[in-house]
Protein backbone atom coordinates (compact mmCIF):
# COMPACT_ATOMS: atom_id res chain seq x y z
CA MET A 1 80.60 -57.12 87.33
CA LYS A 2 81.12 -60.85 85.93
CA GLU A 3 84.92 -61.88 87.13
CA TYR A 4 87.05 -63.93 84.69
CA ILE A 5 89.78 -66.27 84.58
CA SER A 6 93.20 -64.35 84.08
CA LEU A 7 96.43 -65.81 83.31
CA SER A 8 97.54 -64.37 86.71
CA HIS A 9 95.23 -67.17 88.86
CA GLY A 10 97.84 -69.50 87.64
CA SER A 11 100.97 -67.68 88.74
CA GLY A 12 101.52 -69.91 92.47
CA GLY A 13 100.88 -66.43 93.87
CA ALA A 14 97.65 -64.30 96.22
CA LEU A 15 95.41 -64.59 92.75
CA THR A 16 95.86 -68.85 92.44
CA ARG A 17 95.43 -68.99 96.60
CA LYS A 18 92.05 -66.77 96.36
CA LEU A 19 90.92 -69.10 93.45
CA VAL A 20 92.01 -72.25 95.10
CA HIS A 21 90.62 -71.56 98.46
CA GLU A 22 87.60 -69.60 97.37
CA ILE A 23 86.39 -71.90 94.61
CA PHE A 24 88.06 -75.29 94.70
CA ALA A 25 88.46 -76.01 98.50
CA ALA A 26 84.87 -74.68 99.22
CA ALA A 27 83.55 -77.22 97.22
CA PHE A 28 85.89 -80.11 97.57
CA ASP A 29 86.61 -79.79 101.64
CA ASN A 30 87.98 -83.61 103.49
CA ALA A 31 90.09 -83.14 105.21
CA TYR A 32 93.14 -85.09 103.70
CA LEU A 33 92.27 -81.53 101.27
CA ARG A 34 92.24 -78.83 103.87
CA LYS A 35 95.92 -78.72 104.71
CA LEU A 36 96.94 -77.48 100.81
CA ASP A 37 99.77 -78.88 100.78
CA ASP A 38 101.21 -80.55 97.58
CA ALA A 39 100.63 -83.87 97.88
CA SER A 40 97.90 -85.75 100.75
CA VAL A 41 99.39 -88.70 103.18
CA VAL A 42 96.44 -91.07 102.96
CA THR A 43 96.71 -94.86 104.87
CA LEU A 44 96.41 -98.15 102.79
CA ALA A 45 96.57 -101.10 103.79
CA GLY A 46 98.62 -100.73 107.35
CA GLY A 47 101.39 -97.98 105.24
CA ARG A 48 101.57 -94.28 104.46
CA TYR A 49 101.41 -93.09 101.21
CA ALA A 50 101.22 -89.62 99.79
CA MET A 51 99.08 -88.93 96.42
CA THR A 52 99.79 -86.01 94.23
CA THR A 53 98.85 -85.10 90.86
CA ASP A 54 99.90 -82.11 88.57
CA SER A 55 99.21 -80.65 85.05
CA PHE A 56 102.42 -78.99 83.02
CA VAL A 57 101.70 -76.82 79.43
CA VAL A 58 104.98 -75.54 80.00
CA ASP A 59 105.69 -73.28 76.61
CA PRO A 60 108.45 -73.57 74.46
CA ILE A 61 107.74 -76.75 75.77
CA VAL A 62 111.50 -77.66 74.80
CA PHE A 63 113.31 -75.86 76.91
CA PRO A 64 117.21 -75.41 78.46
CA GLY A 65 118.42 -77.90 80.95
CA GLY A 66 114.56 -80.25 80.19
CA ASP A 67 111.67 -80.10 77.86
CA ILE A 68 107.80 -80.86 79.39
CA GLY A 69 108.43 -84.46 79.21
CA LYS A 70 111.63 -84.52 82.15
CA LEU A 71 109.39 -81.47 83.95
CA ALA A 72 106.75 -83.53 84.26
CA VAL A 73 108.46 -86.38 86.25
CA CYS A 74 110.38 -84.21 87.87
CA GLY A 75 107.34 -81.70 89.45
CA THR A 76 105.61 -84.71 90.41
CA VAL A 77 108.43 -86.96 92.03
CA ASN A 78 109.29 -83.77 93.55
CA ASP A 79 105.93 -83.06 95.62
CA LEU A 80 105.97 -86.86 96.24
CA ALA A 81 109.63 -85.56 98.14
CA SER A 82 108.43 -82.29 100.03
CA CYS A 83 106.40 -84.64 102.11
CA GLY A 84 108.74 -86.84 103.15
CA ALA A 85 107.33 -89.51 100.09
CA GLU A 86 109.49 -92.16 98.08
CA PRO A 87 108.17 -91.71 94.74
CA LYS A 88 107.29 -95.44 93.50
CA TYR A 89 104.50 -94.97 90.85
CA LEU A 90 103.43 -92.43 88.31
CA SER A 91 99.94 -92.08 85.68
CA ALA A 92 100.70 -90.37 82.25
CA SER A 93 98.07 -88.28 80.49
CA PHE A 94 98.22 -86.13 77.74
CA VAL A 95 96.62 -83.92 75.31
CA ILE A 96 97.89 -84.00 71.75
CA GLU A 97 96.99 -81.31 69.26
CA GLU A 98 96.51 -82.14 65.74
CA GLY A 99 99.13 -81.41 63.87
CA PHE A 100 102.26 -82.41 66.46
CA ALA A 101 104.71 -83.89 65.13
CA LEU A 102 105.45 -87.75 65.93
CA GLY A 103 108.50 -87.10 66.23
CA SER A 104 108.57 -84.58 68.83
CA LEU A 105 106.19 -87.23 71.03
CA ARG A 106 108.52 -89.64 70.47
CA THR A 107 111.28 -87.51 71.66
CA ILE A 108 109.53 -86.40 74.90
CA VAL A 109 108.48 -89.30 75.87
CA SER A 110 111.76 -90.84 75.60
CA SER A 111 112.43 -88.34 78.26
CA MET A 112 110.00 -88.99 80.34
CA ALA A 113 110.59 -92.44 80.68
CA ARG A 114 114.62 -92.43 81.29
CA GLU A 115 113.93 -89.95 83.47
CA ALA A 116 111.45 -92.43 85.17
CA ARG A 117 113.89 -95.03 84.80
CA GLU A 118 116.76 -92.67 86.60
CA GLN A 119 114.30 -92.44 89.94
CA LYS A 120 113.42 -95.66 90.05
CA THR A 121 109.73 -95.13 89.53
CA ALA A 122 107.02 -97.01 86.99
CA ILE A 123 104.94 -95.02 84.79
CA VAL A 124 101.88 -97.79 85.15
CA THR A 125 98.77 -96.12 83.59
CA GLY A 126 98.02 -93.52 81.32
CA ASP A 127 95.58 -91.88 78.79
CA THR A 128 95.54 -89.92 75.51
CA LYS A 129 93.83 -87.13 74.16
CA VAL A 130 94.12 -85.51 70.21
CA VAL A 131 92.11 -82.23 70.11
CA PRO A 132 92.14 -80.23 66.76
CA ARG A 133 93.68 -77.56 65.55
CA GLY A 134 94.51 -74.89 67.38
CA LYS A 135 92.29 -76.19 70.45
CA ALA A 136 94.99 -76.85 72.05
CA ASP A 137 99.02 -75.70 72.48
CA LYS A 138 101.45 -78.48 70.89
CA LEU A 139 101.13 -80.78 73.87
CA PHE A 140 100.04 -80.84 77.44
CA ILE A 141 100.80 -83.09 80.41
CA ASN A 142 98.64 -84.40 83.21
CA THR A 143 100.30 -86.68 86.03
CA THR A 144 99.34 -89.11 89.28
CA GLY A 145 102.02 -89.61 91.12
CA ILE A 146 101.88 -92.34 94.10
CA GLY A 147 104.65 -92.58 97.26
CA PHE A 148 105.62 -94.08 100.46
CA VAL A 149 105.79 -92.66 103.16
CA HIS A 150 109.30 -92.26 105.04
CA LYS A 151 108.97 -89.43 107.12
CA LEU A 152 105.97 -87.50 108.68
CA LEU A 153 106.28 -83.85 107.67
CA ASP A 154 103.71 -80.52 108.87
CA THR A 155 103.40 -76.96 108.61
CA LYS A 156 102.08 -77.25 112.07
CA LYS A 157 105.65 -79.11 113.21
CA ILE A 158 107.80 -76.19 112.33
CA ARG A 159 108.99 -74.47 115.33
CA PRO A 160 110.93 -70.62 116.39
CA GLY A 161 114.47 -71.47 116.24
CA ASP A 162 114.31 -73.97 112.94
CA LYS A 163 116.50 -72.85 110.40
CA ILE A 164 115.95 -72.66 105.98
CA LEU A 165 117.88 -73.94 103.60
CA ILE A 166 117.98 -74.05 100.01
CA ASN A 167 120.16 -76.69 97.79
CA GLY A 168 121.11 -74.47 95.47
CA PRO A 169 120.27 -70.85 93.24
CA VAL A 170 116.94 -69.30 93.13
CA ALA A 171 114.60 -68.84 89.10
CA GLN A 172 116.57 -70.53 87.07
CA HIS A 173 113.76 -72.23 85.97
CA GLY A 174 111.42 -69.22 85.28
CA LEU A 175 114.22 -67.14 83.44
CA SER A 176 115.13 -70.03 81.10
CA ILE A 177 111.52 -70.36 79.99
CA LEU A 178 111.56 -66.96 79.61
CA ALA A 179 114.67 -66.39 77.38
CA SER A 180 113.63 -69.12 75.10
CA ARG A 181 110.55 -68.09 74.74
CA GLN A 182 111.46 -64.42 74.29
CA GLY A 183 114.26 -64.97 72.51
CA PHE A 184 117.19 -62.96 74.31
CA GLU A 185 120.81 -63.52 72.63
CA GLY A 186 123.78 -64.36 74.72
CA ARG A 187 121.13 -66.23 77.54
CA THR A 188 121.92 -69.54 76.56
CA SER A 189 124.40 -69.68 80.04
CA ILE A 190 120.63 -69.79 82.09
CA LYS A 191 119.44 -73.46 82.02
CA SER A 192 116.54 -74.53 83.68
CA ASP A 193 117.03 -76.49 87.37
CA CYS A 194 114.29 -78.84 86.47
CA LYS A 195 115.61 -81.99 88.62
CA SER A 196 114.48 -84.60 90.74
CA LEU A 197 115.16 -84.03 94.56
CA TRP A 198 114.12 -87.37 96.00
CA GLY A 199 117.57 -88.38 95.99
CA ILE A 200 118.93 -85.50 98.45
CA VAL A 201 115.43 -85.62 100.99
CA LYS A 202 116.18 -89.60 101.06
CA LEU A 203 119.62 -88.76 102.26
CA LEU A 204 118.87 -86.11 104.74
CA LEU A 205 116.13 -88.56 106.41
CA GLN A 206 118.49 -91.81 105.79
CA GLU A 207 121.07 -89.26 108.37
CA HIS A 208 117.99 -88.68 110.35
CA VAL A 209 118.41 -84.78 109.75
CA ASP A 210 115.37 -82.64 111.85
CA VAL A 211 113.60 -82.22 109.19
CA HIS A 212 110.63 -80.56 110.07
CA PHE A 213 109.09 -79.49 106.89
CA MET A 214 109.81 -79.37 103.35
CA ARG A 215 108.43 -77.30 100.23
CA ASP A 216 109.64 -76.45 96.25
CA PRO A 217 108.97 -73.60 95.62
CA THR A 218 107.86 -73.93 92.04
CA ARG A 219 105.32 -71.39 90.85
CA GLY A 220 105.98 -67.95 92.81
CA GLY A 221 109.40 -69.07 93.59
CA VAL A 222 110.73 -68.77 96.88
CA SER A 223 108.55 -65.67 97.75
CA ALA A 224 105.05 -67.72 97.46
CA ALA A 225 106.39 -70.61 99.07
CA ALA A 226 107.45 -69.02 102.04
CA ASN A 227 104.04 -67.09 102.22
CA GLU A 228 101.88 -70.20 102.07
CA ILE A 229 103.94 -71.83 104.78
CA ALA A 230 103.84 -68.64 107.32
CA GLN A 231 100.04 -68.30 106.80
CA SER A 232 100.38 -72.03 107.59
CA CYS A 233 102.86 -72.31 110.75
CA GLY A 234 101.19 -69.40 111.95
CA PHE A 235 105.37 -67.87 112.95
CA SER A 236 106.78 -65.07 110.96
CA LEU A 237 110.33 -66.09 108.75
CA ALA A 238 112.82 -63.90 108.36
CA LEU A 239 115.31 -64.17 104.85
CA LEU A 240 118.38 -62.88 104.64
CA GLU A 241 118.84 -61.97 100.86
CA LYS A 242 123.00 -61.79 100.78
CA ARG A 243 122.44 -65.53 101.84
CA ILE A 244 120.13 -66.72 99.02
CA PRO A 245 121.96 -68.29 96.21
CA ALA A 246 121.36 -66.94 92.41
CA THR A 247 123.44 -67.49 89.57
CA ALA A 248 125.01 -64.00 87.88
CA SER A 249 123.48 -64.22 84.99
CA CYS A 250 119.91 -64.71 86.50
CA ARG A 251 120.63 -61.70 88.94
CA SER A 252 121.19 -59.81 85.90
CA LEU A 253 118.68 -60.70 84.23
CA CYS A 254 116.50 -60.04 86.65
CA GLU A 255 117.81 -56.12 87.11
CA ILE A 256 117.42 -55.72 83.15
CA LEU A 257 113.50 -56.48 83.57
CA GLY A 258 113.10 -55.72 86.70
CA LEU A 259 112.36 -58.77 87.97
CA GLU A 260 112.67 -59.98 91.68
CA PRO A 261 114.59 -63.24 92.03
CA LEU A 262 112.38 -64.45 95.02
CA ASP A 263 109.51 -64.57 92.89
CA ILE A 264 110.70 -66.65 89.99
CA ALA A 265 110.10 -70.49 89.37
CA ASN A 266 112.21 -73.36 90.59
CA GLU A 267 112.36 -76.94 89.85
CA GLY A 268 115.26 -78.35 91.03
CA LYS A 269 115.08 -75.92 94.44
CA MET A 270 113.84 -77.71 98.15
CA LEU A 271 113.49 -75.50 101.19
CA PHE A 272 114.39 -77.51 104.28
CA PHE A 273 113.10 -75.86 107.82
CA VAL A 274 115.25 -78.39 110.03
CA GLY A 275 115.80 -77.67 113.74
CA GLU A 276 118.37 -75.47 114.74
CA SER A 277 121.00 -77.85 115.96
CA ASP A 278 120.32 -80.12 113.24
CA ALA A 279 121.32 -77.16 110.48
CA PRO A 280 125.07 -77.28 110.10
CA LYS A 281 124.58 -80.82 109.14
CA ALA A 282 121.92 -80.76 107.18
CA LEU A 283 123.98 -78.11 105.41
CA ARG A 284 127.29 -80.70 104.88
CA LEU A 285 125.17 -83.19 103.64
CA LEU A 286 123.66 -81.31 100.85
CA ARG A 287 126.75 -79.19 99.60
CA SER A 288 128.59 -83.56 99.66
CA VAL A 289 125.91 -83.54 97.06
CA PRO A 290 127.57 -82.30 93.26
CA SER A 291 124.23 -80.84 92.20
CA CYS A 292 123.59 -79.38 95.37
CA ARG A 293 127.40 -77.76 96.35
CA GLN A 294 126.03 -73.98 96.64
CA ALA A 295 123.48 -75.32 99.46
CA ALA A 296 122.77 -72.07 101.68
CA LEU A 297 121.36 -71.69 105.34
CA ILE A 298 119.05 -68.69 103.62
CA GLY A 299 117.09 -68.03 107.33
CA GLU A 300 114.97 -68.78 109.97
CA VAL A 301 111.85 -68.88 111.93
CA LEU A 302 110.59 -66.25 114.15
CA SER A 303 108.85 -66.32 117.96
CA GLU A 304 106.55 -63.98 116.64
CA LYS A 305 103.15 -65.66 115.16
CA LYS A 306 102.54 -62.84 112.73
CA SER A 307 102.83 -65.22 109.90
CA LYS A 308 104.76 -62.51 108.01
CA VAL A 309 107.95 -62.98 105.89
CA TYR A 310 110.44 -60.83 106.11
CA LEU A 311 113.65 -59.90 104.31
CA GLU A 312 116.68 -59.10 105.57
CA THR A 313 117.98 -57.14 102.29
CA SER A 314 121.73 -56.88 101.38
CA ALA A 315 121.76 -52.80 101.87
CA GLY A 316 120.95 -53.60 105.12
CA GLY A 317 117.73 -52.93 105.19
CA SER A 318 114.83 -55.08 106.00
CA ARG A 319 110.63 -55.35 104.05
CA VAL A 320 108.29 -57.25 104.34
CA LEU A 321 108.60 -60.28 101.81
CA GLY A 322 105.03 -60.16 99.90
CA MET A 323 102.95 -62.57 98.31
CA PRO A 324 103.56 -62.40 94.00
CA VAL A 325 100.27 -61.02 93.26
CA THR A 326 101.13 -61.01 89.20
CA ASP A 327 102.10 -63.52 86.51
CA ALA A 328 105.58 -62.67 85.18
CA ILE A 329 106.28 -65.40 84.01
CA PRO A 330 102.88 -67.50 82.97
CA ARG A 331 103.35 -71.74 81.51
CA ILE A 332 106.72 -71.96 83.36
CA CYS A 333 105.62 -75.39 83.92
């Protein structure tokens, strides 16, 4: 029986992992790609640089808290930041559907330019393609980013006892997209957390916090990111549900729709794996940043070598937090 691509292959969960491993990683196998991090670290002219690429197909292209242009810059910057790299240069390529309003394009390009300037990152090259009406959905953006690595991070540096921190509430981006797409009334308080994170990463590195690894939990949310990290480092992780921050609006919408907040995409959050003794310092530094007042210590690395993720529930029980399989909210980035 023939197999076909489904929207769930783009969820960031189990089917995405299967697609990447069996199709792309198998074909392109090399030492850089094998790590399957958000960016690869290469050595150029005696220095270490991180390189990443991403494509953005979000629907709708404008949403509370951002638009596809801001998202493209923030998403690329954050993939570099998760590798301890200061973003320096970006490329931007546009696939534009015939009939797309020039005014809307100007607004989105201005949004990209503004975010790039704020991050002191230059958009140095790009490309445009126009396709016939109905052959794309308004606008797709592809980016590549290059950044200078300040500290080498690796899942192999994760050790039992390391603490897991996050810089704020989960699920805001995915639920903002869903509420906008479906026109849910009374849900305007849910805004995307779309934000560049190099600033807080730089703060922790400058203050010599013992950070071992970072990952921004985008597609598939915290569930997917935590499972990927557990499988890569070989240790099991324990997360504490009652410590994982989420806004009342997000919790309410998830309860109504039967969604797991930890499966929902974020675009302004980072998971930090920090040495046990430095965790209080890291948390204090994060909370000193106005946008990270709700930063929290949400779990730890166990000595168990089963690559599982356990969730200690608010009710006092414990369950395995698996990798998401289906895509509850497709096209969120």
